[in-house]
PDB file of N, CA and C in Angstrom:
ATOM      1  N   MET A   1       4.797  12.939  -7.629  1.00  0.00           N
ATOM      2  CA  MET A   1       3.599  12.147  -7.822  1.00  0.00           C
ATOM      3  C   MET A   1       2.757  12.182  -6.544  1.00  0.00           C
ATOM      4  N   LYS A   2       1.483  12.323  -6.745  1.00  0.00           N
ATOM      5  CA  LYS A   2       0.520  12.276  -5.638  1.00  0.00           C
ATOM      6  C   LYS A   2      -0.497  11.214  -6.020  1.00  0.00           C
ATOM      7  N   LYS A   3      -0.412  10.061  -5.355  1.00  0.00           N
ATOM      8  CA  LYS A   3      -1.266   8.951  -5.751  1.00  0.00           C
ATOM      9  C   LYS A   3      -1.671   8.134  -4.537  1.00  0.00           C
ATOM     10  N   ILE A   4      -2.888   7.604  -4.611  1.00  0.00           N
ATOM     11  CA  ILE A   4      -3.404   6.749  -3.547  1.00  0.00           C
ATOM     12  C   ILE A   4      -3.853   5.437  -4.170  1.00  0.00           C
ATOM     13  N   TYR A   5      -3.244   4.350  -3.688  1.00  0.00           N
ATOM     14  CA  TYR A   5      -3.632   2.999  -4.099  1.00  0.00           C
ATOM     15  C   TYR A   5      -4.531   2.460  -2.992  1.00  0.00           C
ATOM     16  N   PHE A   6      -5.737   2.023  -3.372  1.00  0.00           N
ATOM     17  CA  PHE A   6      -6.708   1.634  -2.354  1.00  0.00           C
ATOM     18  C   PHE A   6      -7.638   0.560  -2.898  1.00  0.00           C
ATOM     19  N   LEU A   7      -8.470   0.055  -2.013  1.00  0.00           N
ATOM     20  CA  LEU A   7      -9.495  -0.914  -2.378  1.00  0.00           C
ATOM     21  C   LEU A   7     -10.841  -0.299  -2.006  1.00  0.00           C
ATOM     22  N   LYS A   8     -11.738  -0.169  -2.976  1.00  0.00           N
ATOM     23  CA  LYS A   8     -12.996   0.551  -2.724  1.00  0.00           C
ATOM     24  C   LYS A   8     -13.908  -0.160  -1.735  1.00  0.00           C
ATOM     25  N   THR A   9     -13.718  -1.453  -1.534  1.00  0.00           N
ATOM     26  CA  THR A   9     -14.567  -2.188  -0.585  1.00  0.00           C
ATOM     27  C   THR A   9     -13.973  -2.217   0.825  1.00  0.00           C
ATOM     28  N   CYS A  10     -12.836  -1.579   1.002  1.00  0.00           N
ATOM     29  CA  CYS A  10     -12.140  -1.601   2.297  1.00  0.00           C
ATOM     30  C   CYS A  10     -12.547  -0.386   3.136  1.00  0.00           C
ATOM     31  N   ASP A  11     -13.247  -0.641   4.230  1.00  0.00           N
ATOM     32  CA  ASP A  11     -13.689   0.451   5.100  1.00  0.00           C
ATOM     33  C   ASP A  11     -12.518   1.202   5.724  1.00  0.00           C
ATOM     34  N   THR A  12     -11.445   0.484   6.029  1.00  0.00           N
ATOM     35  CA  THR A  12     -10.262   1.126   6.606  1.00  0.00           C
ATOM     36  C   THR A  12      -9.662   2.107   5.603  1.00  0.00           C
ATOM     37  N   CYS A  13      -9.555   1.698   4.348  1.00  0.00           N
ATOM     38  CA  CYS A  13      -9.058   2.599   3.300  1.00  0.00           C
ATOM     39  C   CYS A  13      -9.921   3.857   3.228  1.00  0.00           C
ATOM     40  N   LYS A  14     -11.227   3.666   3.193  1.00  0.00           N
ATOM     41  CA  LYS A  14     -12.156   4.797   3.090  1.00  0.00           C
ATOM     42  C   LYS A  14     -11.971   5.761   4.257  1.00  0.00           C
ATOM     43  N   ARG A  15     -11.854   5.205   5.462  1.00  0.00           N
ATOM     44  CA  ARG A  15     -11.720   6.040   6.659  1.00  0.00           C
ATOM     45  C   ARG A  15     -10.420   6.844   6.617  1.00  0.00           C
ATOM     46  N   ILE A  16      -9.320   6.199   6.234  1.00  0.00           N
ATOM     47  CA  ILE A  16      -8.023   6.879   6.187  1.00  0.00           C
ATOM     48  C   ILE A  16      -8.021   7.964   5.115  1.00  0.00           C
ATOM     49  N   ILE A  17      -8.532   7.642   3.936  1.00  0.00           N
ATOM     50  CA  ILE A  17      -8.560   8.606   2.833  1.00  0.00           C
ATOM     51  C   ILE A  17      -9.427   9.809   3.197  1.00  0.00           C
ATOM     52  N   LYS A  18     -10.523   9.557   3.866  1.00  0.00           N
ATOM     53  CA  LYS A  18     -11.438  10.632   4.274  1.00  0.00           C
ATOM     54  C   LYS A  18     -10.790  11.578   5.290  1.00  0.00           C
ATOM     55  N   SER A  19      -9.788  11.066   6.032  1.00  0.00           N
ATOM     56  CA  SER A  19      -9.173  11.849   7.110  1.00  0.00           C
ATOM     57  C   SER A  19      -8.091  12.813   6.627  1.00  0.00           C
ATOM     58  N   ILE A  20      -7.737  12.755   5.336  1.00  0.00           N
ATOM     59  CA  ILE A  20      -6.671  13.625   4.831  1.00  0.00           C
ATOM     60  C   ILE A  20      -7.186  14.460   3.657  1.00  0.00           C
ATOM     61  N   SER A  21      -6.434  15.479   3.318  1.00  0.00           N
ATOM     62  CA  SER A  21      -6.762  16.291   2.152  1.00  0.00           C
ATOM     63  C   SER A  21      -6.239  15.573   0.909  1.00  0.00           C
ATOM     64  N   THR A  22      -7.139  15.196   0.015  1.00  0.00           N
ATOM     65  CA  THR A  22      -6.738  14.436  -1.176  1.00  0.00           C
ATOM     66  C   THR A  22      -6.715  15.298  -2.437  1.00  0.00           C
ATOM     67  N   GLU A  23      -6.771  16.599  -2.267  1.00  0.00           N
ATOM     68  CA  GLU A  23      -6.741  17.500  -3.419  1.00  0.00           C
ATOM     69  C   GLU A  23      -5.425  17.309  -4.177  1.00  0.00           C
ATOM     70  N   GLY A  24      -5.529  17.121  -5.484  1.00  0.00           N
ATOM     71  CA  GLY A  24      -4.342  16.951  -6.320  1.00  0.00           C
ATOM     72  C   GLY A  24      -3.862  15.515  -6.430  1.00  0.00           C
ATOM     73  N   PHE A  25      -4.515  14.594  -5.730  1.00  0.00           N
ATOM     74  CA  PHE A  25      -4.114  13.187  -5.774  1.00  0.00           C
ATOM     75  C   PHE A  25      -4.884  12.448  -6.863  1.00  0.00           C
ATOM     76  N   THR A  26      -4.229  11.466  -7.461  1.00  0.00           N
ATOM     77  CA  THR A  26      -4.938  10.539  -8.342  1.00  0.00           C
ATOM     78  C   THR A  26      -5.141   9.259  -7.545  1.00  0.00           C
ATOM     79  N   PHE A  27      -6.213   8.561  -7.886  1.00  0.00           N
ATOM     80  CA  PHE A  27      -6.584   7.348  -7.171  1.00  0.00           C
ATOM     81  C   PHE A  27      -6.490   6.145  -8.107  1.00  0.00           C
ATOM     82  N   GLN A  28      -6.024   5.043  -7.552  1.00  0.00           N
ATOM     83  CA  GLN A  28      -6.014   3.791  -8.306  1.00  0.00           C
ATOM     84  C   GLN A  28      -6.640   2.710  -7.443  1.00  0.00           C
ATOM     85  N   GLU A  29      -7.782   2.231  -7.890  1.00  0.00           N
ATOM     86  CA  GLU A  29      -8.481   1.159  -7.189  1.00  0.00           C
ATOM     87  C   GLU A  29      -7.842  -0.147  -7.646  1.00  0.00           C
ATOM     88  N   ILE A  30      -7.126  -0.811  -6.729  1.00  0.00           N
ATOM     89  CA  ILE A  30      -6.218  -1.896  -7.111  1.00  0.00           C
ATOM     90  C   ILE A  30      -6.898  -3.188  -7.546  1.00  0.00           C
ATOM     91  N   LYS A  31      -8.178  -3.337  -7.257  1.00  0.00           N
ATOM     92  CA  LYS A  31      -8.872  -4.539  -7.725  1.00  0.00           C
ATOM     93  C   LYS A  31      -9.265  -4.393  -9.192  1.00  0.00           C
ATOM     94  N   SER A  32      -9.735  -3.219  -9.570  1.00  0.00           N
ATOM     95  CA  SER A  32     -10.163  -2.996 -10.951  1.00  0.00           C
ATOM     96  C   SER A  32      -9.011  -2.569 -11.861  1.00  0.00           C
ATOM     97  N   GLU A  33      -7.956  -1.992 -11.284  1.00  0.00           N
ATOM     98  CA  GLU A  33      -6.776  -1.588 -12.061  1.00  0.00           C
ATOM     99  C   GLU A  33      -5.530  -2.054 -11.295  1.00  0.00           C
ATOM    100  N   ALA A  34      -5.086  -3.246 -11.637  1.00  0.00           N
ATOM    101  CA  ALA A  34      -3.964  -3.859 -10.915  1.00  0.00           C
ATOM    102  C   ALA A  34      -2.693  -3.028 -11.037  1.00  0.00           C
ATOM    103  N   LEU A  35      -1.872  -3.123 -10.010  1.00  0.00           N
ATOM    104  CA  LEU A  35      -0.552  -2.509 -10.027  1.00  0.00           C
ATOM    105  C   LEU A  35       0.277  -3.156 -11.123  1.00  0.00           C
ATOM    106  N   ASN A  36       1.028  -2.368 -11.864  1.00  0.00           N
ATOM    107  CA  ASN A  36       1.928  -2.961 -12.843  1.00  0.00           C
ATOM    108  C   ASN A  36       3.352  -2.976 -12.276  1.00  0.00           C
ATOM    109  N   ASN A  37       4.239  -3.618 -12.991  1.00  0.00           N
ATOM    110  CA  ASN A  37       5.616  -3.805 -12.534  1.00  0.00           C
ATOM    111  C   ASN A  37       6.308  -2.466 -12.246  1.00  0.00           C
ATOM    112  N   ASP A  38       6.154  -1.492 -13.146  1.00  0.00           N
ATOM    113  CA  ASP A  38       6.803  -0.193 -12.961  1.00  0.00           C
ATOM    114  C   ASP A  38       6.275   0.536 -11.731  1.00  0.00           C
ATOM    115  N   GLN A  39       4.958   0.473 -11.526  1.00  0.00           N
ATOM    116  CA  GLN A  39       4.378   1.119 -10.347  1.00  0.00           C
ATOM    117  C   GLN A  39       4.909   0.479  -9.068  1.00  0.00           C
ATOM    118  N   LEU A  40       4.965  -0.839  -9.052  1.00  0.00           N
ATOM    119  CA  LEU A  40       5.443  -1.535  -7.861  1.00  0.00           C
ATOM    120  C   LEU A  40       6.913  -1.220  -7.605  1.00  0.00           C
ATOM    121  N   ASP A  41       7.712  -1.158  -8.664  1.00  0.00           N
ATOM    122  CA  ASP A  41       9.129  -0.806  -8.514  1.00  0.00           C
ATOM    123  C   ASP A  41       9.284   0.606  -7.957  1.00  0.00           C
ATOM    124  N   GLU A  42       8.417   1.516  -8.406  1.00  0.00           N
ATOM    125  CA  GLU A  42       8.461   2.886  -7.895  1.00  0.00           C
ATOM    126  C   GLU A  42       8.112   2.921  -6.405  1.00  0.00           C
ATOM    127  N   LEU A  43       7.087   2.172  -6.008  1.00  0.00           N
ATOM    128  CA  LEU A  43       6.716   2.102  -4.592  1.00  0.00           C
ATOM    129  C   LEU A  43       7.838   1.494  -3.769  1.00  0.00           C
ATOM    130  N   LYS A  44       8.478   0.474  -4.314  1.00  0.00           N
ATOM    131  CA  LYS A  44       9.612  -0.154  -3.614  1.00  0.00           C
ATOM    132  C   LYS A  44      10.759   0.845  -3.438  1.00  0.00           C
ATOM    133  N   GLY A  45      10.982   1.666  -4.456  1.00  0.00           N
ATOM    134  CA  GLY A  45      12.032   2.685  -4.363  1.00  0.00           C
ATOM    135  C   GLY A  45      11.779   3.663  -3.232  1.00  0.00           C
ATOM    136  N   LEU A  46      10.522   3.994  -3.008  1.00  0.00           N
ATOM    137  CA  LEU A  46      10.160   4.920  -1.931  1.00  0.00           C
ATOM    138  C   LEU A  46      10.148   4.240  -0.565  1.00  0.00           C
ATOM    139  N   SER A  47       9.732   2.973  -0.540  1.00  0.00           N
ATOM    140  CA  SER A  47       9.563   2.285   0.748  1.00  0.00           C
ATOM    141  C   SER A  47      10.813   1.526   1.196  1.00  0.00           C
ATOM    142  N   GLY A  48      11.673   1.174   0.234  1.00  0.00           N
ATOM    143  CA  GLY A  48      12.897   0.469   0.592  1.00  0.00           C
ATOM    144  C   GLY A  48      12.854  -1.032   0.343  1.00  0.00           C
ATOM    145  N   SER A  49      11.651  -1.617   0.271  1.00  0.00           N
ATOM    146  CA  SER A  49      11.560  -3.061   0.029  1.00  0.00           C
ATOM    147  C   SER A  49      10.165  -3.446  -0.423  1.00  0.00           C
ATOM    148  N   TYR A  50      10.084  -4.572  -1.093  1.00  0.00           N
ATOM    149  CA  TYR A  50       8.772  -5.114  -1.457  1.00  0.00           C
ATOM    150  C   TYR A  50       8.083  -5.654  -0.203  1.00  0.00           C
ATOM    151  N   GLU A  51       8.882  -6.173   0.709  1.00  0.00           N
ATOM    152  CA  GLU A  51       8.311  -6.729   1.939  1.00  0.00           C
ATOM    153  C   GLU A  51       7.510  -5.683   2.707  1.00  0.00           C
ATOM    154  N   SER A  52       7.989  -4.432   2.712  1.00  0.00           N
ATOM    155  CA  SER A  52       7.279  -3.372   3.433  1.00  0.00           C
ATOM    156  C   SER A  52       5.910  -3.078   2.824  1.00  0.00           C
ATOM    157  N   LEU A  53       5.716  -3.466   1.571  1.00  0.00           N
ATOM    158  CA  LEU A  53       4.449  -3.258   0.874  1.00  0.00           C
ATOM    159  C   LEU A  53       3.528  -4.473   0.962  1.00  0.00           C
ATOM    160  N   PHE A  54       4.033  -5.546   1.529  1.00  0.00           N
ATOM    161  CA  PHE A  54       3.338  -6.831   1.521  1.00  0.00           C
ATOM    162  C   PHE A  54       2.445  -6.988   2.749  1.00  0.00           C
ATOM    163  N   SER A  55       1.216  -7.435   2.508  1.00  0.00           N
ATOM    164  CA  SER A  55       0.264  -7.634   3.595  1.00  0.00           C
ATOM    165  C   SER A  55       0.237  -9.088   4.050  1.00  0.00           C
ATOM    166  N   ARG A  56       0.602  -9.292   5.291  1.00  0.00           N
ATOM    167  CA  ARG A  56       0.508 -10.631   5.883  1.00  0.00           C
ATOM    168  C   ARG A  56      -0.905 -10.897   6.411  1.00  0.00           C
ATOM    169  N   ARG A  57      -1.767  -9.911   6.331  1.00  0.00           N
ATOM    170  CA  ARG A  57      -3.151 -10.063   6.769  1.00  0.00           C
ATOM    171  C   ARG A  57      -4.040 -10.692   5.692  1.00  0.00           C
ATOM    172  N   ALA A  58      -3.537 -10.740   4.466  1.00  0.00           N
ATOM    173  CA  ALA A  58      -4.330 -11.306   3.366  1.00  0.00           C
ATOM    174  C   ALA A  58      -4.681 -12.757   3.682  1.00  0.00           C
ATOM    175  N   LYS A  59      -5.934 -13.111   3.442  1.00  0.00           N
ATOM    176  CA  LYS A  59      -6.379 -14.486   3.703  1.00  0.00           C
ATOM    177  C   LYS A  59      -5.563 -15.498   2.910  1.00  0.00           C
ATOM    178  N   LYS A  60      -5.159 -15.126   1.723  1.00  0.00           N
ATOM    179  CA  LYS A  60      -4.386 -16.043   0.879  1.00  0.00           C
ATOM    180  C   LYS A  60      -2.996 -16.323   1.463  1.00  0.00           C
ATOM    181  N   TYR A  61      -2.494 -15.405   2.281  1.00  0.00           N
ATOM    182  CA  TYR A  61      -1.175 -15.591   2.889  1.00  0.00           C
ATOM    183  C   TYR A  61      -1.165 -16.870   3.717  1.00  0.00           C
ATOM    184  N   LYS A  62      -2.183 -17.031   4.519  1.00  0.00           N
ATOM    185  CA  LYS A  62      -2.298 -18.227   5.355  1.00  0.00           C
ATOM    186  C   LYS A  62      -2.738 -19.431   4.511  1.00  0.00           C
ATOM    187  N   ALA A  63      -3.720 -19.213   3.639  1.00  0.00           N
ATOM    188  CA  ALA A  63      -4.267 -20.304   2.822  1.00  0.00           C
ATOM    189  C   ALA A  63      -3.210 -20.948   1.917  1.00  0.00           C
ATOM    190  N   MET A  64      -2.283 -20.138   1.430  1.00  0.00           N
ATOM    191  CA  MET A  64      -1.233 -20.658   0.542  1.00  0.00           C
ATOM    192  C   MET A  64      -0.037 -21.221   1.316  1.00  0.00           C
ATOM    193  N   GLY A  65      -0.109 -21.165   2.639  1.00  0.00           N
ATOM    194  CA  GLY A  65       0.983 -21.675   3.458  1.00  0.00           C
ATOM    195  C   GLY A  65       2.216 -20.795   3.443  1.00  0.00           C
ATOM    196  N   LEU A  66       2.054 -19.530   3.070  1.00  0.00           N
ATOM    197  CA  LEU A  66       3.201 -18.625   2.956  1.00  0.00           C
ATOM    198  C   LEU A  66       3.812 -18.280   4.306  1.00  0.00           C
ATOM    199  N   LYS A  67       2.995 -18.341   5.357  1.00  0.00           N
ATOM    200  CA  LYS A  67       3.515 -17.997   6.691  1.00  0.00           C
ATOM    201  C   LYS A  67       4.564 -19.003   7.159  1.00  0.00           C
ATOM    202  N   ASP A  68       4.570 -20.177   6.548  1.00  0.00           N
ATOM    203  CA  ASP A  68       5.535 -21.210   6.913  1.00  0.00           C
ATOM    204  C   ASP A  68       6.752 -21.229   5.992  1.00  0.00           C
ATOM    205  N   GLN A  69       6.830 -20.254   5.093  1.00  0.00           N
ATOM    206  CA  GLN A  69       7.936 -20.196   4.143  1.00  0.00           C
ATOM    207  C   GLN A  69       8.799 -18.974   4.398  1.00  0.00           C
ATOM    208  N   ILE A  70      10.034 -19.057   3.959  1.00  0.00           N
ATOM    209  CA  ILE A  70      10.916 -17.894   3.985  1.00  0.00           C
ATOM    210  C   ILE A  70      10.837 -17.277   2.595  1.00  0.00           C
ATOM    211  N   LEU A  71      10.316 -16.061   2.540  1.00  0.00           N
ATOM    212  CA  LEU A  71      10.095 -15.402   1.263  1.00  0.00           C
ATOM    213  C   LEU A  71      11.208 -14.402   0.955  1.00  0.00           C
ATOM    214  N   SER A  72      11.604 -14.339  -0.299  1.00  0.00           N
ATOM    215  CA  SER A  72      12.619 -13.378  -0.751  1.00  0.00           C
ATOM    216  C   SER A  72      11.927 -12.108  -1.234  1.00  0.00           C
ATOM    217  N   GLU A  73      12.706 -11.081  -1.502  1.00  0.00           N
ATOM    218  CA  GLU A  73      12.153  -9.843  -2.055  1.00  0.00           C
ATOM    219  C   GLU A  73      11.439 -10.132  -3.375  1.00  0.00           C
ATOM    220  N   LEU A  74      12.023 -10.990  -4.199  1.00  0.00           N
ATOM    221  CA  LEU A  74      11.394 -11.351  -5.475  1.00  0.00           C
ATOM    222  C   LEU A  74      10.060 -12.065  -5.245  1.00  0.00           C
ATOM    223  N   ASP A  75       9.999 -12.919  -4.221  1.00  0.00           N
ATOM    224  CA  ASP A  75       8.740 -13.590  -3.880  1.00  0.00           C
ATOM    225  C   ASP A  75       7.668 -12.562  -3.516  1.00  0.00           C
ATOM    226  N   TYR A  76       8.037 -11.603  -2.672  1.00  0.00           N
ATOM    227  CA  TYR A  76       7.076 -10.565  -2.278  1.00  0.00           C
ATOM    228  C   TYR A  76       6.587  -9.801  -3.504  1.00  0.00           C
ATOM    229  N   LYS A  77       7.511  -9.438  -4.385  1.00  0.00           N
ATOM    230  CA  LYS A  77       7.155  -8.699  -5.596  1.00  0.00           C
ATOM    231  C   LYS A  77       6.175  -9.508  -6.451  1.00  0.00           C
ATOM    232  N   GLN A  78       6.506 -10.754  -6.708  1.00  0.00           N
ATOM    233  CA  GLN A  78       5.661 -11.596  -7.557  1.00  0.00           C
ATOM    234  C   GLN A  78       4.271 -11.803  -6.944  1.00  0.00           C
ATOM    235  N   LEU A  79       4.220 -11.985  -5.641  1.00  0.00           N
ATOM    236  CA  LEU A  79       2.927 -12.173  -4.970  1.00  0.00           C
ATOM    237  C   LEU A  79       2.063 -10.921  -5.072  1.00  0.00           C
ATOM    238  N   ILE A  80       2.655  -9.753  -4.854  1.00  0.00           N
ATOM    239  CA  ILE A  80       1.897  -8.502  -4.948  1.00  0.00           C
ATOM    240  C   ILE A  80       1.388  -8.304  -6.377  1.00  0.00           C
ATOM    241  N   LEU A  81       2.230  -8.592  -7.360  1.00  0.00           N
ATOM    242  CA  LEU A  81       1.810  -8.452  -8.753  1.00  0.00           C
ATOM    243  C   LEU A  81       0.737  -9.477  -9.140  1.00  0.00           C
ATOM    244  N   SER A  82       0.758 -10.634  -8.489  1.00  0.00           N
ATOM    245  CA  SER A  82      -0.171 -11.702  -8.857  1.00  0.00           C
ATOM    246  C   SER A  82      -1.572 -11.504  -8.273  1.00  0.00           C
ATOM    247  N   ASP A  83      -1.667 -10.792  -7.143  1.00  0.00           N
ATOM    248  CA  ASP A  83      -2.971 -10.648  -6.497  1.00  0.00           C
ATOM    249  C   ASP A  83      -2.997  -9.376  -5.645  1.00  0.00           C
ATOM    250  N   TYR A  84      -3.968  -8.527  -5.910  1.00  0.00           N
ATOM    251  CA  TYR A  84      -4.084  -7.244  -5.199  1.00  0.00           C
ATOM    252  C   TYR A  84      -4.171  -7.406  -3.683  1.00  0.00           C
ATOM    253  N   THR A  85      -4.659  -8.551  -3.207  1.00  0.00           N
ATOM    254  CA  THR A  85      -4.832  -8.718  -1.760  1.00  0.00           C
ATOM    255  C   THR A  85      -3.510  -8.698  -1.003  1.00  0.00           C
ATOM    256  N   PHE A  86      -2.409  -8.903  -1.710  1.00  0.00           N
ATOM    257  CA  PHE A  86      -1.109  -8.924  -1.042  1.00  0.00           C
ATOM    258  C   PHE A  86      -0.498  -7.536  -0.865  1.00  0.00           C
ATOM    259  N   LEU A  87      -1.119  -6.504  -1.413  1.00  0.00           N
ATOM    260  CA  LEU A  87      -0.617  -5.146  -1.209  1.00  0.00           C
ATOM    261  C   LEU A  87      -1.214  -4.587   0.071  1.00  0.00           C
ATOM    262  N   LYS A  88      -0.343  -4.153   0.979  1.00  0.00           N
ATOM    263  CA  LYS A  88      -0.808  -3.475   2.188  1.00  0.00           C
ATOM    264  C   LYS A  88      -1.514  -2.202   1.735  1.00  0.00           C
ATOM    265  N   ARG A  89      -2.620  -1.881   2.351  1.00  0.00           N
ATOM    266  CA  ARG A  89      -3.340  -0.721   1.870  1.00  0.00           C
ATOM    267  C   ARG A  89      -3.963   0.086   2.999  1.00  0.00           C
ATOM    268  N   PRO A  90      -4.215   1.349   2.707  1.00  0.00           N
ATOM    269  CA  PRO A  90      -3.892   2.036   1.461  1.00  0.00           C
ATOM    270  C   PRO A  90      -2.405   2.368   1.375  1.00  0.00           C
ATOM    271  N   VAL A  91      -1.952   2.647   0.160  1.00  0.00           N
ATOM    272  CA  VAL A  91      -0.608   3.174  -0.059  1.00  0.00           C
ATOM    273  C   VAL A  91      -0.810   4.590  -0.570  1.00  0.00           C
ATOM    274  N   ILE A  92      -0.270   5.541   0.175  1.00  0.00           N
ATOM    275  CA  ILE A  92      -0.426   6.952  -0.169  1.00  0.00           C
ATOM    276  C   ILE A  92       0.957   7.515  -0.469  1.00  0.00           C
ATOM    277  N   VAL A  93       1.107   8.041  -1.685  1.00  0.00           N
ATOM    278  CA  VAL A  93       2.376   8.631  -2.107  1.00  0.00           C
ATOM    279  C   VAL A  93       2.158  10.123  -2.290  1.00  0.00           C
ATOM    280  N   ASP A  94       2.912  10.909  -1.544  1.00  0.00           N
ATOM    281  CA  ASP A  94       2.856  12.365  -1.658  1.00  0.00           C
ATOM    282  C   ASP A  94       4.266  12.827  -2.001  1.00  0.00           C
ATOM    283  N   ASP A  95       4.504  12.998  -3.288  1.00  0.00           N
ATOM    284  CA  ASP A  95       5.828  13.318  -3.824  1.00  0.00           C
ATOM    285  C   ASP A  95       6.825  12.226  -3.430  1.00  0.00           C
ATOM    286  N   ASN A  96       7.776  12.540  -2.563  1.00  0.00           N
ATOM    287  CA  ASN A  96       8.782  11.525  -2.200  1.00  0.00           C
ATOM    288  C   ASN A  96       8.491  10.840  -0.869  1.00  0.00           C
ATOM    289  N   LYS A  97       7.311  11.057  -0.323  1.00  0.00           N
ATOM    290  CA  LYS A  97       6.903  10.417   0.938  1.00  0.00           C
ATOM    291  C   LYS A  97       5.905   9.316   0.637  1.00  0.00           C
ATOM    292  N   ILE A  98       6.051   8.188   1.361  1.00  0.00           N
ATOM    293  CA  ILE A  98       5.116   7.081   1.175  1.00  0.00           C
ATOM    294  C   ILE A  98       4.580   6.640   2.528  1.00  0.00           C
ATOM    295  N   PHE A  99       3.302   6.349   2.557  1.00  0.00           N
ATOM    296  CA  PHE A  99       2.621   5.883   3.763  1.00  0.00           C
ATOM    297  C   PHE A  99       1.914   4.585   3.395  1.00  0.00           C
ATOM    298  N   ILE A 100       2.243   3.529   4.127  1.00  0.00           N
ATOM    299  CA  ILE A 100       1.780   2.191   3.756  1.00  0.00           C
ATOM    300  C   ILE A 100       0.965   1.576   4.875  1.00  0.00           C
ATOM    301  N   GLY A 101      -0.274   1.206   4.545  1.00  0.00           N
ATOM    302  CA  GLY A 101      -1.080   0.441   5.479  1.00  0.00           C
ATOM    303  C   GLY A 101      -1.792   1.253   6.524  1.00  0.00           C
ATOM    304  N   SER A 102      -2.319   0.521   7.506  1.00  0.00           N
ATOM    305  CA  SER A 102      -3.193   1.143   8.502  1.00  0.00           C
ATOM    306  C   SER A 102      -2.706   0.970   9.928  1.00  0.00           C
ATOM    307  N   ASP A 103      -1.422   0.600  10.099  1.00  0.00           N
ATOM    308  CA  ASP A 103      -0.961   0.456  11.479  1.00  0.00           C
ATOM    309  C   ASP A 103      -0.822   1.831  12.127  1.00  0.00           C
ATOM    310  N   LYS A 104      -0.830   1.841  13.422  1.00  0.00           N
ATOM    311  CA  LYS A 104      -0.873   3.090  14.190  1.00  0.00           C
ATOM    312  C   LYS A 104       0.320   4.007  13.875  1.00  0.00           C
ATOM    313  N   LYS A 105       1.504   3.435  13.759  1.00  0.00           N
ATOM    314  CA  LYS A 105       2.707   4.224  13.471  1.00  0.00           C
ATOM    315  C   LYS A 105       2.560   4.953  12.125  1.00  0.00           C
ATOM    316  N   ASN A 106       2.063   4.236  11.118  1.00  0.00           N
ATOM    317  CA  ASN A 106       1.865   4.839   9.804  1.00  0.00           C
ATOM    318  C   ASN A 106       0.801   5.927   9.857  1.00  0.00           C
ATOM    319  N   LEU A 107      -0.298   5.668  10.544  1.00  0.00           N
ATOM    320  CA  LEU A 107      -1.370   6.656  10.616  1.00  0.00           C
ATOM    321  C   LEU A 107      -0.919   7.929  11.322  1.00  0.00           C
ATOM    322  N   ASN A 108      -0.108   7.777  12.365  1.00  0.00           N
ATOM    323  CA  ASN A 108       0.425   8.958  13.056  1.00  0.00           C
ATOM    324  C   ASN A 108       1.333   9.762  12.133  1.00  0.00           C
ATOM    325  N   ALA A 109       2.199   9.078  11.377  1.00  0.00           N
ATOM    326  CA  ALA A 109       3.101   9.756  10.436  1.00  0.00           C
ATOM    327  C   ALA A 109       2.292  10.465   9.343  1.00  0.00           C
ATOM    328  N   LEU A 110       1.253   9.805   8.866  1.00  0.00           N
ATOM    329  CA  LEU A 110       0.390  10.380   7.830  1.00  0.00           C
ATOM    330  C   LEU A 110      -0.295  11.643   8.348  1.00  0.00           C
ATOM    331  N   LYS A 111      -0.826  11.555   9.551  1.00  0.00           N
ATOM    332  CA  LYS A 111      -1.508  12.701  10.159  1.00  0.00           C
ATOM    333  C   LYS A 111      -0.543  13.874  10.337  1.00  0.00           C
ATOM    334  N   GLU A 112       0.652  13.588  10.844  1.00  0.00           N
ATOM    335  CA  GLU A 112       1.660  14.648  11.032  1.00  0.00           C
ATOM    336  C   GLU A 112       2.035  15.279   9.698  1.00  0.00           C
ATOM    337  N   HIS A 113       2.225  14.457   8.686  1.00  0.00           N
ATOM    338  CA  HIS A 113       2.624  14.939   7.366  1.00  0.00           C
ATOM    339  C   HIS A 113       1.581  15.896   6.807  1.00  0.00           C
ATOM    340  N   PHE A 114       0.323  15.510   6.871  1.00  0.00           N
ATOM    341  CA  PHE A 114      -0.728  16.350   6.288  1.00  0.00           C
ATOM    342  C   PHE A 114      -1.030  17.565   7.132  1.00  0.00           C
ATOM    343  N   GLU A 115      -0.874  17.490   8.447  1.00  0.00           N
ATOM    344  CA  GLU A 115      -1.071  18.682   9.288  1.00  0.00           C
ATOM    345  C   GLU A 115       0.045  19.672   9.034  1.00  0.00           C
ATOM    346  N   TYR A 116       1.268  19.169   8.881  1.00  0.00           N
ATOM    347  CA  TYR A 116       2.424  20.032   8.671  1.00  0.00           C
ATOM    348  C   TYR A 116       2.392  20.648   7.282  1.00  0.00           C
ATOM    349  N   LYS A 117       1.999  19.853   6.287  1.00  0.00           N
ATOM    350  CA  LYS A 117       2.054  20.285   4.897  1.00  0.00           C
ATOM    351  C   LYS A 117       0.932  21.252   4.538  1.00  0.00           C
ATOM    352  N   HIS A 118      -0.244  21.053   5.094  1.00  0.00           N
ATOM    353  CA  HIS A 118      -1.393  21.850   4.641  1.00  0.00           C
ATOM    354  C   HIS A 118      -1.809  22.868   5.656  1.00  0.00           C
TER     355      HIS A 118
END
């Protein structure tokens, strides 16, 4: 599978997607087409946990008082399914490789992967 989960209003998503070769990828804009349970389970299988897919930067994270709670894997899953803002983005899946979010470590891995692959 070659898929990119992104938010069309996110400048960071746009910049990251523009920096790689997206030929052969399908795109899913997560605000207009929400992630379903099977898709999220597949991403979790590649990433190792729902927590790794969860964005603590979402405004709702603080507003809902989640930063003061201890969340389980099921909590992370339910939150991501309930609101697109809780998915770290972009999520780029290239076959069995997954790249999550915009932190420097992820961007370096993404850059290396696409330079090596293409």
